């Protein structure tokens, strides 16, 4: 091998090594994590919107749109699981501006535990309409935004006893994860079925 050929091999090797070490180092992700992979009619379950790979700067704000699409049946938004109908796929919206409770959806522990004395600022907290709703919220002054991985929001769902859907797709769109200023580049946005 010539001297210039050896130099090219070293440059390619170093570039590959540097790319491998930095790939994913700054990218964050968000995904849907359901409490169960299979639910029968008449059962309740929840799904978390989980942020992953949040750098040390912390997660200062989040925006996402949930989209719930069944193979058959009707998706409705209800303020409490007790108001769900037997023929509906009921998703509890809007979110409580506190942690979720068994019959109500709310802010996830990962985001909630970092709140400061001024609470959480909520800009969008929609009721589900045609299976879709937008959520935008942020930490206020004095918060300690969390880093790493964890639940940003938890949604309660009831599958009515007369629902015949074979599958329910839950996807995310309009996703933005922020520190105190710039948005984190997203490596992945993953839904669930």
N, C-alpha and C. Protein backbone atom coordinates (compact mmCIF):
# COMPACT_ATOMS: atom_id res chain seq x y z
N UNK A 1 0.86 -1.18 0.00
CA UNK A 1 0.00 0.00 0.00
C UNK A 1 0.90 1.23 0.00
N UNK A 2 0.52 2.20 -0.76
CA UNK A 2 1.30 3.43 -0.84
C UNK A 2 1.06 4.26 0.41
N UNK A 3 1.94 5.23 0.58
CA UNK A 3 1.83 6.12 1.74
C UNK A 3 0.52 6.91 1.70
N UNK A 4 0.11 7.40 0.53
CA UNK A 4 -1.14 8.16 0.44
C UNK A 4 -2.34 7.24 0.66
N UNK A 5 -2.26 5.98 0.22
CA UNK A 5 -3.34 5.02 0.46
C UNK A 5 -3.49 4.72 1.93
N UNK A 6 -2.37 4.61 2.65
CA UNK A 6 -2.40 4.36 4.08
C UNK A 6 -3.02 5.55 4.83
N UNK A 7 -2.69 6.78 4.39
CA UNK A 7 -3.24 7.98 5.00
C UNK A 7 -4.75 8.04 4.80
N UNK A 8 -5.23 7.69 3.61
CA UNK A 8 -6.67 7.70 3.34
C UNK A 8 -7.37 6.68 4.23
N UNK A 9 -6.79 5.49 4.41
CA UNK A 9 -7.39 4.47 5.28
C UNK A 9 -7.48 5.00 6.71
N UNK A 10 -6.42 5.66 7.20
CA UNK A 10 -6.45 6.21 8.57
C UNK A 10 -7.51 7.31 8.71
N UNK A 11 -7.64 8.17 7.70
CA UNK A 11 -8.64 9.25 7.75
C UNK A 11 -10.05 8.66 7.76
N UNK A 12 -10.29 7.67 6.90
CA UNK A 12 -11.61 7.02 6.86
C UNK A 12 -11.89 6.33 8.19
N UNK A 13 -10.90 5.64 8.74
CA UNK A 13 -11.07 4.95 10.02
C UNK A 13 -11.37 5.95 11.14
N UNK A 14 -10.64 7.06 11.21
CA UNK A 14 -10.87 8.07 12.24
C UNK A 14 -12.24 8.72 12.07
N UNK A 15 -12.62 9.02 10.84
CA UNK A 15 -13.94 9.62 10.58
C UNK A 15 -15.04 8.66 11.04
N UNK A 16 -14.91 7.38 10.71
CA UNK A 16 -15.89 6.38 11.14
C UNK A 16 -15.95 6.29 12.66
N UNK A 17 -14.80 6.30 13.33
CA UNK A 17 -14.75 6.23 14.78
C UNK A 17 -15.41 7.45 15.42
N UNK A 18 -15.07 8.64 14.92
CA UNK A 18 -15.66 9.87 15.47
C UNK A 18 -17.17 9.89 15.24
N UNK A 19 -17.61 9.51 14.03
CA UNK A 19 -19.04 9.48 13.75
C UNK A 19 -19.75 8.49 14.67
N UNK A 20 -19.15 7.32 14.89
CA UNK A 20 -19.74 6.31 15.76
C UNK A 20 -19.82 6.77 17.20
N UNK A 21 -18.85 7.55 17.66
CA UNK A 21 -18.85 8.03 19.04
C UNK A 21 -19.85 9.15 19.24
N UNK A 22 -20.07 9.97 18.20
CA UNK A 22 -20.96 11.12 18.37
C UNK A 22 -22.38 10.87 17.89
N UNK A 23 -22.60 9.82 17.11
CA UNK A 23 -23.95 9.56 16.62
C UNK A 23 -24.87 9.33 17.81
N UNK A 24 -25.90 10.11 17.91
CA UNK A 24 -26.85 9.95 19.00
C UNK A 24 -26.46 10.68 20.26
N UNK A 25 -25.29 11.26 20.31
CA UNK A 25 -24.85 11.91 21.54
C UNK A 25 -25.72 13.11 21.88
N UNK A 26 -26.25 13.82 20.87
CA UNK A 26 -27.03 15.02 21.14
C UNK A 26 -28.49 14.87 20.79
N UNK A 27 -28.87 13.75 20.22
CA UNK A 27 -30.25 13.57 19.81
C UNK A 27 -31.11 13.01 20.91
N UNK A 28 -32.30 13.53 21.03
CA UNK A 28 -33.28 13.02 21.97
C UNK A 28 -34.35 12.27 21.19
N UNK A 29 -35.16 11.53 21.88
CA UNK A 29 -36.25 10.81 21.24
C UNK A 29 -37.50 10.86 22.09
N UNK A 30 -38.60 10.48 21.51
CA UNK A 30 -39.86 10.42 22.24
C UNK A 30 -40.64 9.24 21.68
N UNK A 31 -41.34 8.53 22.55
CA UNK A 31 -42.09 7.37 22.11
C UNK A 31 -43.32 7.14 22.98
N UNK A 32 -44.21 6.31 22.47
CA UNK A 32 -45.39 5.89 23.21
C UNK A 32 -45.06 4.55 23.86
N UNK A 33 -45.35 4.44 25.14
CA UNK A 33 -45.12 3.20 25.88
C UNK A 33 -46.44 2.80 26.56
N UNK A 34 -47.17 1.82 25.99
CA UNK A 34 -48.44 1.39 26.60
C UNK A 34 -48.19 0.49 27.81
N UNK A 35 -49.15 0.48 28.73
CA UNK A 35 -49.03 -0.37 29.93
C UNK A 35 -49.24 -1.84 29.60
N UNK A 36 -49.83 -2.13 28.45
CA UNK A 36 -50.08 -3.51 28.04
C UNK A 36 -50.01 -3.58 26.53
N UNK A 37 -49.57 -4.72 26.01
CA UNK A 37 -49.52 -4.89 24.56
C UNK A 37 -50.81 -5.48 24.02
N UNK A 38 -51.66 -5.97 24.92
CA UNK A 38 -52.94 -6.53 24.49
C UNK A 38 -54.00 -6.18 25.53
N UNK A 39 -55.13 -5.67 25.06
CA UNK A 39 -56.22 -5.26 25.93
C UNK A 39 -57.51 -5.84 25.37
N UNK A 40 -58.36 -6.36 26.24
CA UNK A 40 -59.64 -6.91 25.79
C UNK A 40 -60.75 -5.89 26.03
N UNK A 41 -61.85 -6.00 25.29
CA UNK A 41 -62.97 -5.08 25.50
C UNK A 41 -63.40 -5.08 26.98
N UNK A 42 -63.65 -3.87 27.48
CA UNK A 42 -64.03 -3.68 28.88
C UNK A 42 -62.86 -3.36 29.79
N UNK A 43 -61.64 -3.40 29.26
CA UNK A 43 -60.45 -3.14 30.08
C UNK A 43 -59.97 -1.70 29.96
N UNK A 44 -59.27 -1.26 31.00
CA UNK A 44 -58.59 0.03 31.01
C UNK A 44 -57.10 -0.21 30.84
N UNK A 45 -56.43 0.75 30.25
CA UNK A 45 -54.98 0.74 30.21
C UNK A 45 -54.52 2.19 30.14
N UNK A 46 -53.25 2.41 30.18
CA UNK A 46 -52.72 3.75 30.00
C UNK A 46 -51.54 3.68 29.04
N UNK A 47 -51.20 4.81 28.48
CA UNK A 47 -49.96 4.89 27.70
C UNK A 47 -49.21 6.15 28.13
N UNK A 48 -47.91 5.99 28.22
CA UNK A 48 -47.03 7.10 28.57
C UNK A 48 -46.40 7.66 27.31
N UNK A 49 -46.22 8.97 27.30
CA UNK A 49 -45.39 9.64 26.30
C UNK A 49 -44.04 9.78 26.98
N UNK A 50 -43.03 9.06 26.49
CA UNK A 50 -41.74 8.95 27.16
C UNK A 50 -40.66 9.68 26.37
N UNK A 51 -39.96 10.58 27.05
CA UNK A 51 -38.80 11.27 26.46
C UNK A 51 -37.56 10.45 26.78
N UNK A 52 -36.65 10.37 25.81
CA UNK A 52 -35.43 9.58 26.00
C UNK A 52 -34.22 10.38 25.53
N UNK A 53 -33.10 10.15 26.19
CA UNK A 53 -31.84 10.77 25.77
C UNK A 53 -31.80 12.27 25.96
N UNK A 54 -32.48 12.78 26.99
CA UNK A 54 -32.47 14.22 27.25
C UNK A 54 -31.11 14.58 27.85
N UNK A 55 -30.37 15.50 27.23
CA UNK A 55 -29.04 15.87 27.73
C UNK A 55 -29.11 16.55 29.10
N UNK A 56 -27.94 16.81 29.66
CA UNK A 56 -27.81 17.37 31.00
C UNK A 56 -28.49 18.73 31.15
N UNK A 57 -28.69 19.46 30.05
CA UNK A 57 -29.37 20.75 30.13
C UNK A 57 -30.79 20.58 30.65
N UNK A 58 -31.37 19.40 30.46
CA UNK A 58 -32.71 19.10 30.96
C UNK A 58 -33.81 19.42 29.99
N UNK A 59 -34.97 18.83 30.24
CA UNK A 59 -36.15 19.03 29.40
C UNK A 59 -36.96 20.19 29.97
N UNK A 60 -36.87 21.35 29.32
CA UNK A 60 -37.56 22.54 29.80
C UNK A 60 -38.97 22.66 29.28
N UNK A 61 -39.25 22.07 28.11
CA UNK A 61 -40.59 22.17 27.54
C UNK A 61 -40.83 21.03 26.56
N UNK A 62 -42.10 20.72 26.35
CA UNK A 62 -42.46 19.64 25.44
C UNK A 62 -43.72 20.02 24.67
N UNK A 63 -43.73 19.64 23.41
CA UNK A 63 -44.94 19.75 22.59
C UNK A 63 -45.09 18.46 21.81
N UNK A 64 -46.31 17.95 21.75
CA UNK A 64 -46.59 16.77 20.93
C UNK A 64 -48.08 16.70 20.67
N UNK A 65 -48.42 16.05 19.58
CA UNK A 65 -49.81 15.77 19.25
C UNK A 65 -49.97 14.26 19.31
N UNK A 66 -50.97 13.79 20.07
CA UNK A 66 -51.27 12.36 20.03
C UNK A 66 -52.33 12.13 18.98
N UNK A 67 -52.22 10.99 18.32
CA UNK A 67 -53.17 10.58 17.30
C UNK A 67 -53.55 9.13 17.60
N UNK A 68 -54.83 8.88 17.88
CA UNK A 68 -55.31 7.55 18.24
C UNK A 68 -56.24 7.09 17.13
N UNK A 69 -55.85 5.98 16.47
CA UNK A 69 -56.60 5.47 15.33
C UNK A 69 -56.88 3.98 15.51
N UNK A 70 -58.14 3.59 15.70
CA UNK A 70 -58.47 2.17 15.82
C UNK A 70 -58.76 1.54 14.46
N UNK A 71 -58.65 0.20 14.39
CA UNK A 71 -59.00 -0.50 13.15
C UNK A 71 -60.52 -0.43 12.92
N UNK A 72 -61.29 -0.30 13.98
CA UNK A 72 -62.73 -0.06 13.89
C UNK A 72 -63.18 0.53 15.23
N UNK A 73 -64.31 1.17 15.22
CA UNK A 73 -64.81 1.78 16.45
C UNK A 73 -64.58 3.28 16.46
N UNK A 74 -65.07 3.92 17.51
CA UNK A 74 -65.00 5.36 17.64
C UNK A 74 -64.11 5.76 18.81
N UNK A 75 -63.21 6.69 18.55
CA UNK A 75 -62.36 7.24 19.61
C UNK A 75 -62.99 8.54 20.09
N UNK A 76 -63.17 8.66 21.40
CA UNK A 76 -63.72 9.89 21.97
C UNK A 76 -62.82 10.38 23.10
N UNK A 77 -62.88 11.66 23.37
CA UNK A 77 -62.21 12.24 24.51
C UNK A 77 -63.21 12.40 25.64
N UNK A 78 -62.84 11.99 26.83
CA UNK A 78 -63.69 12.14 28.01
C UNK A 78 -62.86 12.74 29.13
N UNK A 79 -63.47 13.51 30.04
CA UNK A 79 -62.70 14.09 31.14
C UNK A 79 -62.34 13.10 32.24
N UNK A 80 -63.04 11.94 32.26
CA UNK A 80 -62.84 10.95 33.32
C UNK A 80 -63.25 9.59 32.75
N UNK A 81 -62.55 8.51 33.11
CA UNK A 81 -62.90 7.20 32.58
C UNK A 81 -64.32 6.77 32.92
N UNK A 82 -64.87 7.29 34.01
CA UNK A 82 -66.23 6.93 34.40
C UNK A 82 -67.27 7.42 33.40
N UNK A 83 -66.90 8.31 32.48
CA UNK A 83 -67.82 8.82 31.48
C UNK A 83 -67.67 8.11 30.13
N UNK A 84 -66.89 7.04 30.11
CA UNK A 84 -66.67 6.29 28.87
C UNK A 84 -67.89 5.42 28.57
N UNK A 85 -68.25 5.31 27.28
CA UNK A 85 -69.36 4.47 26.84
C UNK A 85 -68.91 3.07 26.49
N UNK A 86 -69.83 2.13 26.45
CA UNK A 86 -69.50 0.73 26.17
C UNK A 86 -69.10 0.50 24.72
N UNK A 87 -69.45 1.42 23.83
CA UNK A 87 -69.12 1.26 22.41
C UNK A 87 -67.96 2.15 21.97
N UNK A 88 -67.29 2.78 22.94
CA UNK A 88 -66.24 3.76 22.62
C UNK A 88 -64.86 3.31 23.07
N UNK A 89 -63.87 3.86 22.38
CA UNK A 89 -62.49 3.83 22.85
C UNK A 89 -62.28 5.21 23.44
N UNK A 90 -62.28 5.30 24.75
CA UNK A 90 -62.26 6.59 25.45
C UNK A 90 -60.86 6.92 25.96
N UNK A 91 -60.37 8.08 25.57
CA UNK A 91 -59.08 8.58 26.02
C UNK A 91 -59.36 9.80 26.89
N UNK A 92 -58.82 9.81 28.10
CA UNK A 92 -59.09 10.91 29.02
C UNK A 92 -58.22 12.11 28.64
N UNK A 93 -58.90 13.20 28.24
CA UNK A 93 -58.24 14.46 27.91
C UNK A 93 -59.14 15.59 28.38
N UNK A 94 -58.64 16.74 28.69
CA UNK A 94 -57.23 17.13 28.69
C UNK A 94 -56.48 16.55 29.88
N UNK A 95 -55.17 16.84 29.94
CA UNK A 95 -54.32 16.37 31.03
C UNK A 95 -54.57 17.17 32.30
N UNK A 96 -54.53 16.50 33.45
CA UNK A 96 -54.46 17.22 34.72
C UNK A 96 -53.11 17.93 34.77
N UNK A 97 -53.04 19.10 35.34
CA UNK A 97 -51.75 19.76 35.52
C UNK A 97 -51.23 19.33 36.89
N UNK A 98 -51.11 18.03 37.02
CA UNK A 98 -50.61 17.31 38.18
C UNK A 98 -50.38 15.88 37.70
N UNK A 99 -49.86 15.02 38.55
CA UNK A 99 -49.67 13.63 38.10
C UNK A 99 -51.00 12.96 37.76
N UNK A 100 -50.91 11.96 36.89
CA UNK A 100 -52.10 11.18 36.52
C UNK A 100 -52.59 10.40 37.74
N UNK A 101 -53.90 10.15 37.76
CA UNK A 101 -54.53 9.29 38.77
C UNK A 101 -55.25 8.19 37.99
N UNK A 102 -55.74 7.13 38.65
CA UNK A 102 -56.29 6.00 37.89
C UNK A 102 -57.34 6.34 36.83
N UNK A 103 -58.22 7.29 37.06
CA UNK A 103 -59.27 7.59 36.08
C UNK A 103 -59.01 8.85 35.28
N UNK A 104 -57.86 9.51 35.50
CA UNK A 104 -57.56 10.78 34.82
C UNK A 104 -56.13 10.76 34.28
N UNK A 105 -55.96 11.40 33.15
CA UNK A 105 -54.64 11.57 32.53
C UNK A 105 -53.95 12.77 33.17
N UNK A 106 -52.61 12.76 33.18
CA UNK A 106 -51.89 13.88 33.77
C UNK A 106 -50.44 13.95 33.33
N UNK A 107 -49.74 14.91 33.90
CA UNK A 107 -48.32 15.10 33.60
C UNK A 107 -47.54 13.90 34.14
N UNK A 108 -46.58 13.41 33.37
CA UNK A 108 -45.77 12.26 33.79
C UNK A 108 -44.77 12.62 34.87
N UNK A 109 -44.37 11.63 35.64
CA UNK A 109 -43.46 11.83 36.78
C UNK A 109 -42.15 12.49 36.38
N UNK A 110 -41.58 12.08 35.26
CA UNK A 110 -40.30 12.63 34.81
C UNK A 110 -40.37 14.15 34.69
N UNK A 111 -41.43 14.64 34.06
CA UNK A 111 -41.57 16.08 33.87
C UNK A 111 -42.05 16.75 35.17
N UNK A 112 -43.02 16.15 35.84
CA UNK A 112 -43.62 16.73 37.04
C UNK A 112 -42.60 16.91 38.17
N UNK A 113 -41.73 15.92 38.37
CA UNK A 113 -40.79 15.96 39.49
C UNK A 113 -39.76 17.08 39.38
N UNK A 114 -39.59 17.66 38.21
CA UNK A 114 -38.65 18.76 38.04
C UNK A 114 -39.26 20.14 38.22
N UNK A 115 -40.57 20.19 38.49
CA UNK A 115 -41.25 21.50 38.56
C UNK A 115 -40.70 22.34 39.70
N UNK A 116 -40.74 23.64 39.51
CA UNK A 116 -40.30 24.58 40.53
C UNK A 116 -41.48 25.12 41.33
N UNK A 117 -41.24 26.14 42.14
CA UNK A 117 -42.29 26.69 42.99
C UNK A 117 -43.42 27.36 42.20
N UNK A 118 -43.18 27.68 40.94
CA UNK A 118 -44.21 28.34 40.12
C UNK A 118 -45.01 27.37 39.27
N UNK A 119 -44.82 26.07 39.47
CA UNK A 119 -45.60 25.06 38.75
C UNK A 119 -45.18 24.89 37.30
N UNK A 120 -46.11 24.46 36.48
CA UNK A 120 -45.87 24.18 35.07
C UNK A 120 -46.76 25.08 34.24
N UNK A 121 -46.18 25.68 33.20
CA UNK A 121 -46.93 26.54 32.28
C UNK A 121 -47.52 25.66 31.18
N UNK A 122 -48.85 25.71 31.01
CA UNK A 122 -49.53 24.91 30.00
C UNK A 122 -50.06 25.85 28.93
N UNK A 123 -49.63 25.61 27.69
CA UNK A 123 -50.08 26.45 26.57
C UNK A 123 -51.13 25.76 25.73
N UNK A 124 -50.99 24.46 25.49
CA UNK A 124 -51.99 23.67 24.76
C UNK A 124 -52.31 22.45 25.61
N UNK A 125 -53.59 22.21 25.86
CA UNK A 125 -54.04 21.07 26.64
C UNK A 125 -55.43 20.72 26.11
N UNK A 126 -55.45 20.14 24.92
CA UNK A 126 -56.70 19.98 24.19
C UNK A 126 -57.49 18.74 24.61
N UNK A 127 -58.77 18.79 24.32
CA UNK A 127 -59.64 17.63 24.41
C UNK A 127 -59.50 16.88 23.10
N UNK A 128 -59.50 15.56 23.16
CA UNK A 128 -59.37 14.74 21.96
C UNK A 128 -60.50 15.04 20.98
N UNK A 129 -60.14 15.34 19.73
CA UNK A 129 -61.12 15.63 18.69
C UNK A 129 -60.72 14.83 17.46
N UNK A 130 -61.61 13.95 17.00
CA UNK A 130 -61.30 13.06 15.88
C UNK A 130 -60.03 12.25 16.14
N UNK A 131 -59.83 11.84 17.37
CA UNK A 131 -58.68 11.01 17.73
C UNK A 131 -57.37 11.74 17.87
N UNK A 132 -57.39 13.08 17.89
CA UNK A 132 -56.15 13.85 17.92
C UNK A 132 -56.24 15.02 18.89
N UNK A 133 -55.13 15.33 19.55
CA UNK A 133 -55.08 16.48 20.46
C UNK A 133 -53.63 16.94 20.62
N UNK A 134 -53.45 18.25 20.79
CA UNK A 134 -52.12 18.86 20.93
C UNK A 134 -51.87 19.25 22.38
N UNK A 135 -50.62 19.03 22.84
CA UNK A 135 -50.22 19.37 24.21
C UNK A 135 -48.89 20.12 24.15
N UNK A 136 -48.83 21.26 24.82
CA UNK A 136 -47.61 22.04 24.92
C UNK A 136 -47.51 22.54 26.35
N UNK A 137 -46.41 22.21 27.03
CA UNK A 137 -46.22 22.69 28.40
C UNK A 137 -44.74 22.84 28.69
N UNK A 138 -44.43 23.64 29.71
CA UNK A 138 -43.03 23.96 30.00
C UNK A 138 -42.84 24.20 31.49
N UNK A 139 -41.59 24.04 31.90
CA UNK A 139 -41.22 24.38 33.27
C UNK A 139 -41.14 25.89 33.40
N UNK A 140 -41.43 26.39 34.58
CA UNK A 140 -41.36 27.82 34.86
C UNK A 140 -40.08 28.11 35.65
N UNK A 141 -39.86 29.36 35.96
CA UNK A 141 -38.67 29.80 36.68
C UNK A 141 -38.53 29.03 37.99
N UNK A 142 -37.31 28.60 38.29
CA UNK A 142 -37.03 27.88 39.53
C UNK A 142 -37.11 26.38 39.41
N UNK A 143 -37.47 25.87 38.23
CA UNK A 143 -37.57 24.42 38.02
C UNK A 143 -36.17 23.83 37.83
N UNK A 144 -36.07 22.53 38.01
CA UNK A 144 -34.85 21.78 37.71
C UNK A 144 -35.22 20.78 36.62
N UNK A 145 -35.14 21.22 35.35
CA UNK A 145 -35.56 20.35 34.25
C UNK A 145 -34.79 19.03 34.26
N UNK A 146 -35.51 17.91 34.10
CA UNK A 146 -34.89 16.59 34.19
C UNK A 146 -34.08 16.22 32.95
N UNK A 147 -33.09 15.35 33.16
CA UNK A 147 -32.31 14.80 32.05
C UNK A 147 -32.43 13.29 32.08
N UNK A 148 -32.07 12.65 30.99
CA UNK A 148 -32.18 11.19 30.91
C UNK A 148 -33.46 10.77 30.23
N UNK A 149 -34.17 9.83 30.86
CA UNK A 149 -35.37 9.25 30.26
C UNK A 149 -36.53 9.25 31.25
N UNK A 150 -37.75 9.39 30.75
CA UNK A 150 -38.91 9.25 31.61
C UNK A 150 -40.19 9.76 31.00
N UNK A 151 -41.28 9.57 31.75
CA UNK A 151 -42.62 9.90 31.29
C UNK A 151 -42.88 11.40 31.34
N UNK A 152 -43.31 11.95 30.21
CA UNK A 152 -43.68 13.36 30.10
C UNK A 152 -45.17 13.52 30.37
N UNK A 153 -45.98 12.54 29.94
CA UNK A 153 -47.43 12.57 30.15
C UNK A 153 -47.95 11.14 30.18
N UNK A 154 -49.03 10.93 30.94
CA UNK A 154 -49.68 9.61 31.01
C UNK A 154 -51.15 9.78 30.68
N UNK A 155 -51.64 8.97 29.71
CA UNK A 155 -53.02 9.02 29.27
C UNK A 155 -53.76 7.76 29.68
N UNK A 156 -54.93 7.92 30.31
CA UNK A 156 -55.80 6.81 30.68
C UNK A 156 -56.74 6.51 29.53
N UNK A 157 -56.97 5.22 29.27
CA UNK A 157 -57.81 4.78 28.16
C UNK A 157 -58.72 3.65 28.63
N UNK A 158 -59.97 3.68 28.19
CA UNK A 158 -60.91 2.58 28.43
C UNK A 158 -61.41 2.07 27.09
N UNK A 159 -61.32 0.75 26.93
CA UNK A 159 -61.86 0.10 25.74
C UNK A 159 -63.24 -0.41 26.13
N UNK A 160 -64.29 0.14 25.51
CA UNK A 160 -65.65 -0.25 25.84
C UNK A 160 -65.90 -1.73 25.63
N UNK A 161 -66.80 -2.29 26.42
CA UNK A 161 -67.07 -3.73 26.36
C UNK A 161 -67.64 -4.20 25.02
N UNK A 162 -68.18 -3.29 24.21
CA UNK A 162 -68.74 -3.66 22.90
C UNK A 162 -67.82 -3.28 21.73
N UNK A 163 -66.61 -2.85 22.02
CA UNK A 163 -65.66 -2.44 20.97
C UNK A 163 -65.11 -3.69 20.29
N UNK A 164 -65.05 -3.67 18.97
CA UNK A 164 -64.58 -4.81 18.18
C UNK A 164 -63.25 -4.53 17.46
N UNK A 165 -62.55 -3.47 17.82
CA UNK A 165 -61.29 -3.13 17.16
C UNK A 165 -60.24 -4.21 17.41
N UNK A 166 -59.55 -4.59 16.34
CA UNK A 166 -58.47 -5.56 16.47
C UNK A 166 -57.15 -4.90 16.83
N UNK A 167 -57.05 -3.60 16.57
CA UNK A 167 -55.82 -2.89 16.91
C UNK A 167 -56.10 -1.41 17.07
N UNK A 168 -55.26 -0.76 17.83
CA UNK A 168 -55.31 0.68 18.01
C UNK A 168 -53.90 1.21 17.81
N UNK A 169 -53.75 2.14 16.87
CA UNK A 169 -52.46 2.77 16.63
C UNK A 169 -52.42 4.10 17.37
N UNK A 170 -51.36 4.31 18.13
CA UNK A 170 -51.16 5.58 18.83
C UNK A 170 -49.85 6.16 18.30
N UNK A 171 -49.95 7.31 17.65
CA UNK A 171 -48.77 7.93 17.06
C UNK A 171 -48.59 9.34 17.60
N UNK A 172 -47.41 9.88 17.36
CA UNK A 172 -47.07 11.24 17.76
C UNK A 172 -46.70 12.06 16.53
N UNK A 173 -47.08 13.33 16.55
CA UNK A 173 -46.67 14.26 15.52
C UNK A 173 -46.48 15.63 16.17
N UNK A 174 -46.02 16.60 15.40
CA UNK A 174 -45.79 17.97 15.90
C UNK A 174 -44.92 17.97 17.16
N UNK A 175 -43.92 17.10 17.20
CA UNK A 175 -43.10 16.94 18.40
C UNK A 175 -41.97 17.96 18.45
N UNK A 176 -41.84 18.63 19.60
CA UNK A 176 -40.71 19.51 19.87
C UNK A 176 -40.34 19.31 21.34
N UNK A 177 -39.08 19.00 21.60
CA UNK A 177 -38.56 18.91 22.96
C UNK A 177 -37.54 20.02 23.13
N UNK A 178 -37.65 20.81 24.20
CA UNK A 178 -36.83 22.00 24.38
C UNK A 178 -36.06 21.99 25.69
N UNK A 179 -34.89 22.60 25.68
CA UNK A 179 -34.28 22.97 26.95
C UNK A 179 -34.82 24.37 27.24
N UNK A 180 -34.08 25.23 27.93
CA UNK A 180 -34.60 26.57 28.20
C UNK A 180 -34.70 27.42 26.94
N UNK A 181 -34.06 27.00 25.86
CA UNK A 181 -34.10 27.78 24.64
C UNK A 181 -34.29 26.91 23.42
N UNK A 182 -33.17 26.39 22.85
CA UNK A 182 -33.30 25.67 21.58
C UNK A 182 -33.96 24.31 21.70
N UNK A 183 -34.49 23.85 20.59
CA UNK A 183 -35.09 22.51 20.53
C UNK A 183 -33.98 21.48 20.39
N UNK A 184 -34.17 20.31 21.00
CA UNK A 184 -33.24 19.21 20.83
C UNK A 184 -33.51 18.56 19.48
N UNK A 185 -32.46 18.17 18.76
CA UNK A 185 -32.69 17.40 17.54
C UNK A 185 -33.23 16.03 17.92
N UNK A 186 -34.28 15.59 17.25
CA UNK A 186 -34.90 14.31 17.59
C UNK A 186 -34.33 13.19 16.74
N UNK A 187 -33.90 12.13 17.42
CA UNK A 187 -33.41 10.94 16.73
C UNK A 187 -34.57 10.06 16.32
N UNK A 188 -35.61 10.00 17.15
CA UNK A 188 -36.74 9.15 16.83
C UNK A 188 -38.02 9.66 17.47
N UNK A 189 -39.12 9.39 16.79
CA UNK A 189 -40.47 9.62 17.29
C UNK A 189 -41.20 8.32 17.00
N UNK A 190 -41.54 7.56 18.04
CA UNK A 190 -42.05 6.23 17.88
C UNK A 190 -43.42 6.06 18.51
N UNK A 191 -44.36 5.55 17.73
CA UNK A 191 -45.70 5.28 18.24
C UNK A 191 -45.80 3.85 18.75
N UNK A 192 -47.02 3.38 18.99
CA UNK A 192 -47.26 2.02 19.46
C UNK A 192 -48.56 1.52 18.85
N UNK A 193 -48.68 0.20 18.76
CA UNK A 193 -49.91 -0.45 18.29
C UNK A 193 -50.38 -1.40 19.36
